[in-house]
Amino acid sequence: MTADAPVGIVGLGLMGFALSVRLIDAKIPLVGFDIDPVRCGMFKATGGMVATSVRELAACSRTIIVAVYSGEQVEALFGEIDDGAGAARPLVICITTCGPGEIIGIAERASRAGLPLLEAPISGTSIEVLNGTATALLAGDDAVIDRVGELLHILCPRSLPVGAIGDPSRVKLAINLILQNNRAA
């Protein structure tokens, strides 16, 4: 893995695809993976390179964005990321909204594996991500946040550090609860 190695993105659903568009528009080399071949085809059509597996993506990426549906899926991916990364040990940005306990466990696993982890769930829709108006809720080591500060700004120009690992998930869940209550009212 070199300084010009691509950024990897696992999960090309609505949010992952919106993030990939922002990175491709910023001319960031990007390799992606999704279990859905249609999503991979859409990603490739926008200029991304498609990996055949998470292991392949991890082997060539300096930073990996995880944009899957659940904390359970993030946990399931970590073995493949760890196995594929080899000695390179890419930084992992988890934008998946996990339960606070889930992300704390994932962070502990990442630490044991020597994979720097940044928790960064996004408050906003995929359209707001595309428009640059969503907000990333950040937690992780300050040096890790600084290391990917420019990349974070491309992904989500608005960000807010909210404490320790697990706190961004708590904040995001509280925001979602308030939004649900407002919509129900």
C-alpha atoms as a PDB file:
ATOM      1  CA  MET A   1       0.000   0.000   0.000  1.00  0.00           C
ATOM      2  CA  THR A   2       1.379   3.396  -0.985  1.00  0.00           C
ATOM      3  CA  ALA A   3       0.401   7.017  -0.362  1.00  0.00           C
ATOM      4  CA  ASP A   4      -1.387   7.032  -3.732  1.00  0.00           C
ATOM      5  CA  ALA A   5      -3.299   3.831  -2.922  1.00  0.00           C
ATOM      6  CA  PRO A   6      -7.045   4.185  -3.415  1.00  0.00           C
ATOM      7  CA  VAL A   7      -9.570   4.761  -0.693  1.00  0.00           C
ATOM      8  CA  GLY A   8     -11.825   1.730  -0.276  1.00  0.00           C
ATOM      9  CA  ILE A   9     -15.561   1.763   0.356  1.00  0.00           C
ATOM     10  CA  VAL A  10     -17.526  -1.279   1.468  1.00  0.00           C
ATOM     11  CA  GLY A  11     -21.265  -0.892   0.952  1.00  0.00           C
ATOM     12  CA  LEU A  12     -22.595   0.924  -2.109  1.00  0.00           C
ATOM     13  CA  GLY A  13     -26.196   1.457  -1.023  1.00  0.00           C
ATOM     14  CA  LEU A  14     -27.752   4.914  -0.858  1.00  0.00           C
ATOM     15  CA  MET A  15     -25.271   6.376   1.639  1.00  0.00           C
ATOM     16  CA  GLY A  16     -22.188   4.547   0.353  1.00  0.00           C
ATOM     17  CA  PHE A  17     -22.978   5.510  -3.225  1.00  0.00           C
ATOM     18  CA  ALA A  18     -23.516   9.170  -2.258  1.00  0.00           C
ATOM     19  CA  LEU A  19     -20.166   9.197  -0.444  1.00  0.00           C
ATOM     20  CA  SER A  20     -18.476   7.552  -3.435  1.00  0.00           C
ATOM     21  CA  VAL A  21     -19.850  10.228  -5.782  1.00  0.00           C
ATOM     22  CA  ARG A  22     -18.341  12.955  -3.567  1.00  0.00           C
ATOM     23  CA  LEU A  23     -14.952  11.190  -3.585  1.00  0.00           C
ATOM     24  CA  ILE A  24     -14.958  10.508  -7.333  1.00  0.00           C
ATOM     25  CA  ASP A  25     -15.966  14.128  -8.004  1.00  0.00           C
ATOM     26  CA  ALA A  26     -12.967  15.179  -5.880  1.00  0.00           C
ATOM     27  CA  LYS A  27     -10.692  12.956  -8.032  1.00  0.00           C
ATOM     28  CA  ILE A  28      -9.901  10.593  -5.145  1.00  0.00           C
ATOM     29  CA  PRO A  29      -8.936   7.117  -6.455  1.00  0.00           C
ATOM     30  CA  LEU A  30     -11.656   4.825  -5.161  1.00  0.00           C
ATOM     31  CA  VAL A  31     -12.180   1.074  -5.021  1.00  0.00           C
ATOM     32  CA  GLY A  32     -15.520  -0.287  -3.855  1.00  0.00           C
ATOM     33  CA  PHE A  33     -17.261  -3.506  -2.970  1.00  0.00           C
ATOM     34  CA  ASP A  34     -20.879  -4.500  -2.477  1.00  0.00           C
ATOM     35  CA  ILE A  35     -22.554  -7.901  -2.527  1.00  0.00           C
ATOM     36  CA  ASP A  36     -25.064  -6.532  -5.068  1.00  0.00           C
ATOM     37  CA  PRO A  37     -23.636  -6.669  -8.621  1.00  0.00           C
ATOM     38  CA  VAL A  38     -26.080  -3.960  -9.773  1.00  0.00           C
ATOM     39  CA  ARG A  39     -24.688  -1.526  -7.193  1.00  0.00           C
ATOM     40  CA  CYS A  40     -21.158  -2.455  -8.264  1.00  0.00           C
ATOM     41  CA  GLY A  41     -22.100  -1.739 -11.875  1.00  0.00           C
ATOM     42  CA  MET A  42     -23.504   1.679 -10.963  1.00  0.00           C
ATOM     43  CA  PHE A  43     -20.358   2.447  -8.971  1.00  0.00           C
ATOM     44  CA  LYS A  44     -18.112   1.418 -11.865  1.00  0.00           C
ATOM     45  CA  ALA A  45     -20.155   3.569 -14.274  1.00  0.00           C
ATOM     46  CA  THR A  46     -19.373   6.641 -12.149  1.00  0.00           C
ATOM     47  CA  GLY A  47     -15.620   6.000 -12.278  1.00  0.00           C
ATOM     48  CA  GLY A  48     -14.929   3.711  -9.319  1.00  0.00           C
ATOM     49  CA  MET A  49     -12.890   0.522  -9.468  1.00  0.00           C
ATOM     50  CA  VAL A  50     -14.739  -2.584  -8.256  1.00  0.00           C
ATOM     51  CA  ALA A  51     -13.046  -5.111  -5.970  1.00  0.00           C
ATOM     52  CA  THR A  52     -14.090  -8.757  -6.125  1.00  0.00           C
ATOM     53  CA  SER A  53     -14.009  -9.096  -2.316  1.00  0.00           C
ATOM     54  CA  VAL A  54     -13.528  -7.154   0.902  1.00  0.00           C
ATOM     55  CA  ARG A  55     -10.123  -8.850   1.267  1.00  0.00           C
ATOM     56  CA  GLU A  56      -9.030  -7.555  -2.142  1.00  0.00           C
ATOM     57  CA  LEU A  57     -10.258  -4.066  -1.275  1.00  0.00           C
ATOM     58  CA  ALA A  58      -8.416  -4.128   2.082  1.00  0.00           C
ATOM     59  CA  ALA A  59      -5.188  -5.259   0.420  1.00  0.00           C
ATOM     60  CA  CYS A  60      -4.996  -2.175  -1.786  1.00  0.00           C
ATOM     61  CA  SER A  61      -6.605   0.599   0.301  1.00  0.00           C
ATOM     62  CA  ARG A  62      -4.969   3.150   2.601  1.00  0.00           C
ATOM     63  CA  THR A  63      -8.319   4.047   4.157  1.00  0.00           C
ATOM     64  CA  ILE A  64     -11.518   1.986   4.189  1.00  0.00           C
ATOM     65  CA  ILE A  65     -14.985   3.483   4.596  1.00  0.00           C
ATOM     66  CA  VAL A  66     -17.553   1.017   5.912  1.00  0.00           C
ATOM     67  CA  ALA A  67     -21.085   1.985   4.845  1.00  0.00           C
ATOM     68  CA  VAL A  68     -23.137  -1.137   5.438  1.00  0.00           C
ATOM     69  CA  TYR A  69     -26.584  -1.526   6.977  1.00  0.00           C
ATOM     70  CA  SER A  70     -25.865  -2.600  10.565  1.00  0.00           C
ATOM     71  CA  GLY A  71     -23.288  -3.051  13.287  1.00  0.00           C
ATOM     72  CA  GLU A  72     -23.692  -6.789  12.871  1.00  0.00           C
ATOM     73  CA  GLN A  73     -22.566  -6.454   9.244  1.00  0.00           C
ATOM     74  CA  VAL A  74     -19.613  -4.255  10.275  1.00  0.00           C
ATOM     75  CA  GLU A  75     -18.553  -6.897  12.779  1.00  0.00           C
ATOM     76  CA  ALA A  76     -18.817  -9.620  10.118  1.00  0.00           C
ATOM     77  CA  LEU A  77     -16.611  -7.627   7.732  1.00  0.00           C
ATOM     78  CA  PHE A  78     -13.785  -7.050  10.178  1.00  0.00           C
ATOM     79  CA  GLY A  79     -12.227 -10.483   9.738  1.00  0.00           C
ATOM     80  CA  GLU A  80     -12.038  -9.952   5.972  1.00  0.00           C
ATOM     81  CA  ILE A  81     -10.592  -6.447   6.400  1.00  0.00           C
ATOM     82  CA  ASP A  82      -8.033  -7.739   8.898  1.00  0.00           C
ATOM     83  CA  ASP A  83      -7.066 -10.721   6.696  1.00  0.00           C
ATOM     84  CA  GLY A  84      -6.804  -8.651   3.516  1.00  0.00           C
ATOM     85  CA  ALA A  85      -4.922  -5.721   5.014  1.00  0.00           C
ATOM     86  CA  GLY A  86      -1.743  -7.659   5.678  1.00  0.00           C
ATOM     87  CA  ALA A  87       1.023  -5.490   7.103  1.00  0.00           C
ATOM     88  CA  ALA A  88      -0.426  -2.257   5.647  1.00  0.00           C
ATOM     89  CA  ARG A  89      -3.112  -1.762   8.376  1.00  0.00           C
ATOM     90  CA  PRO A  90      -5.441   0.763   6.710  1.00  0.00           C
ATOM     91  CA  LEU A  91      -7.460   3.255   8.704  1.00  0.00           C
ATOM     92  CA  VAL A  92     -11.153   2.321   8.951  1.00  0.00           C
ATOM     93  CA  ILE A  93     -13.914   4.940   8.964  1.00  0.00           C
ATOM     94  CA  CYS A  94     -17.189   3.394  10.122  1.00  0.00           C
ATOM     95  CA  ILE A  95     -20.134   5.496   8.967  1.00  0.00           C
ATOM     96  CA  THR A  96     -22.624   2.719   9.717  1.00  0.00           C
ATOM     97  CA  THR A  97     -24.964   3.626  12.548  1.00  0.00           C
ATOM     98  CA  CYS A  98     -24.237   0.945  15.124  1.00  0.00           C
ATOM     99  CA  GLY A  99     -25.565   0.414  18.597  1.00  0.00           C
ATOM    100  CA  PRO A 100     -23.211   2.101  21.081  1.00  0.00           C
ATOM    101  CA  GLY A 101     -22.195  -1.269  22.555  1.00  0.00           C
ATOM    102  CA  GLU A 102     -21.631  -2.694  19.069  1.00  0.00           C
ATOM    103  CA  ILE A 103     -19.265   0.082  17.971  1.00  0.00           C
ATOM    104  CA  ILE A 104     -17.343  -0.096  21.258  1.00  0.00           C
ATOM    105  CA  GLY A 105     -16.815  -3.836  20.640  1.00  0.00           C
ATOM    106  CA  ILE A 106     -15.843  -3.165  17.019  1.00  0.00           C
ATOM    107  CA  ALA A 107     -13.355  -0.503  18.175  1.00  0.00           C
ATOM    108  CA  GLU A 108     -11.816  -2.943  20.640  1.00  0.00           C
ATOM    109  CA  ARG A 109     -11.487  -5.546  17.903  1.00  0.00           C
ATOM    110  CA  ALA A 110      -9.950  -2.964  15.557  1.00  0.00           C
ATOM    111  CA  SER A 111      -7.461  -1.946  18.241  1.00  0.00           C
ATOM    112  CA  ARG A 112      -6.403  -5.565  18.847  1.00  0.00           C
ATOM    113  CA  ALA A 113      -5.936  -5.966  15.071  1.00  0.00           C
ATOM    114  CA  GLY A 114      -3.883  -2.760  14.776  1.00  0.00           C
ATOM    115  CA  LEU A 115      -6.491  -1.112  12.537  1.00  0.00           C
ATOM    116  CA  PRO A 116      -7.037   2.563  13.443  1.00  0.00           C
ATOM    117  CA  LEU A 117     -10.799   3.211  13.666  1.00  0.00           C
ATOM    118  CA  LEU A 118     -12.851   6.363  13.380  1.00  0.00           C
ATOM    119  CA  GLU A 119     -16.553   6.265  14.246  1.00  0.00           C
ATOM    120  CA  ALA A 120     -18.394   8.664  11.931  1.00  0.00           C
ATOM    121  CA  PRO A 121     -22.129   8.018  11.543  1.00  0.00           C
ATOM    122  CA  ILE A 122     -23.778  10.636   9.371  1.00  0.00           C
ATOM    123  CA  SER A 123     -26.764  12.689  10.415  1.00  0.00           C
ATOM    124  CA  GLY A 124     -28.611  13.356   7.193  1.00  0.00           C
ATOM    125  CA  THR A 125     -29.910  11.642   4.087  1.00  0.00           C
ATOM    126  CA  SER A 126     -27.998  10.456   1.036  1.00  0.00           C
ATOM    127  CA  ILE A 127     -29.289  13.571  -0.800  1.00  0.00           C
ATOM    128  CA  GLU A 128     -27.864  15.763   1.971  1.00  0.00           C
ATOM    129  CA  VAL A 129     -24.550  13.893   1.647  1.00  0.00           C
ATOM    130  CA  LEU A 130     -24.532  14.624  -2.096  1.00  0.00           C
ATOM    131  CA  ASN A 131     -25.306  18.302  -1.398  1.00  0.00           C
ATOM    132  CA  GLY A 132     -22.629  18.530   1.324  1.00  0.00           C
ATOM    133  CA  THR A 133     -25.174  19.474   4.001  1.00  0.00           C
ATOM    134  CA  ALA A 134     -25.136  16.291   6.130  1.00  0.00           C
ATOM    135  CA  THR A 135     -23.110  16.194   9.346  1.00  0.00           C
ATOM    136  CA  ALA A 136     -20.597  13.508  10.335  1.00  0.00           C
ATOM    137  CA  LEU A 137     -20.564  12.777  14.065  1.00  0.00           C
ATOM    138  CA  LEU A 138     -16.961  11.899  14.956  1.00  0.00           C
ATOM    139  CA  ALA A 139     -15.167   9.909  17.634  1.00  0.00           C
ATOM    140  CA  GLY A 140     -11.735   8.382  17.656  1.00  0.00           C
ATOM    141  CA  ASP A 141      -8.153   9.207  18.418  1.00  0.00           C
ATOM    142  CA  ASP A 142      -7.370  12.850  17.567  1.00  0.00           C
ATOM    143  CA  ALA A 143      -4.354  11.759  15.506  1.00  0.00           C
ATOM    144  CA  VAL A 144      -6.609   9.454  13.462  1.00  0.00           C
ATOM    145  CA  ILE A 145      -9.110  12.255  12.862  1.00  0.00           C
ATOM    146  CA  ASP A 146      -6.282  14.599  11.825  1.00  0.00           C
ATOM    147  CA  ARG A 147      -4.812  11.945   9.520  1.00  0.00           C
ATOM    148  CA  VAL A 148      -8.013  11.813   7.448  1.00  0.00           C
ATOM    149  CA  GLY A 149      -9.234  15.370   7.999  1.00  0.00           C
ATOM    150  CA  GLU A 150      -9.068  16.310   4.319  1.00  0.00           C
ATOM    151  CA  LEU A 151     -10.875  13.128   3.300  1.00  0.00           C
ATOM    152  CA  LEU A 152     -13.547  13.704   5.962  1.00  0.00           C
ATOM    153  CA  HIS A 153     -14.098  17.222   4.645  1.00  0.00           C
ATOM    154  CA  ILE A 154     -14.704  15.834   1.141  1.00  0.00           C
ATOM    155  CA  LEU A 155     -17.093  13.182   2.466  1.00  0.00           C
ATOM    156  CA  CYS A 156     -18.992  15.509   4.766  1.00  0.00           C
ATOM    157  CA  PRO A 157     -17.925  19.170   4.924  1.00  0.00           C
ATOM    158  CA  ARG A 158     -19.826  19.503   8.179  1.00  0.00           C
ATOM    159  CA  SER A 159     -18.573  17.414  11.085  1.00  0.00           C
ATOM    160  CA  LEU A 160     -18.841  17.479  14.831  1.00  0.00           C
ATOM    161  CA  PRO A 161     -16.575  15.693  17.330  1.00  0.00           C
ATOM    162  CA  VAL A 162     -18.884  14.272  20.000  1.00  0.00           C
ATOM    163  CA  GLY A 163     -16.658  12.473  22.504  1.00  0.00           C
ATOM    164  CA  ALA A 164     -15.532   8.886  22.839  1.00  0.00           C
ATOM    165  CA  ILE A 165     -16.300   5.879  20.642  1.00  0.00           C
ATOM    166  CA  GLY A 166     -19.984   5.062  21.132  1.00  0.00           C
ATOM    167  CA  ASP A 167     -21.025   8.679  21.702  1.00  0.00           C
ATOM    168  CA  PRO A 168     -21.663   9.456  18.000  1.00  0.00           C
ATOM    169  CA  SER A 169     -24.007   6.458  17.835  1.00  0.00           C
ATOM    170  CA  ARG A 170     -25.838   7.692  20.920  1.00  0.00           C
ATOM    171  CA  VAL A 171     -26.179  11.188  19.423  1.00  0.00           C
ATOM    172  CA  LYS A 172     -27.351   9.821  16.056  1.00  0.00           C
ATOM    173  CA  LEU A 173     -29.920   7.576  17.728  1.00  0.00           C
ATOM    174  CA  ALA A 174     -31.204  10.539  19.788  1.00  0.00           C
ATOM    175  CA  ILE A 175     -31.452  12.704  16.653  1.00  0.00           C
ATOM    176  CA  ASN A 176     -33.352   9.936  14.852  1.00  0.00           C
ATOM    177  CA  LEU A 177     -35.738   9.538  17.794  1.00  0.00           C
ATOM    178  CA  ILE A 178     -36.486  13.279  17.826  1.00  0.00           C
ATOM    179  CA  LEU A 179     -37.051  13.265  14.052  1.00  0.00           C
ATOM    180  CA  GLN A 180     -39.401  10.280  14.326  1.00  0.00           C
ATOM    181  CA  ASN A 181     -41.392  11.966  17.085  1.00  0.00           C
ATOM    182  CA  ASN A 182     -41.674  15.188  15.058  1.00  0.00           C
ATOM    183  CA  ARG A 183     -42.858  13.257  12.010  1.00  0.00           C
ATOM    184  CA  ALA A 184     -45.378  11.321  14.097  1.00  0.00           C
ATOM    185  CA  ALA A 185     -46.724  14.549  15.588  1.00  0.00           C
END
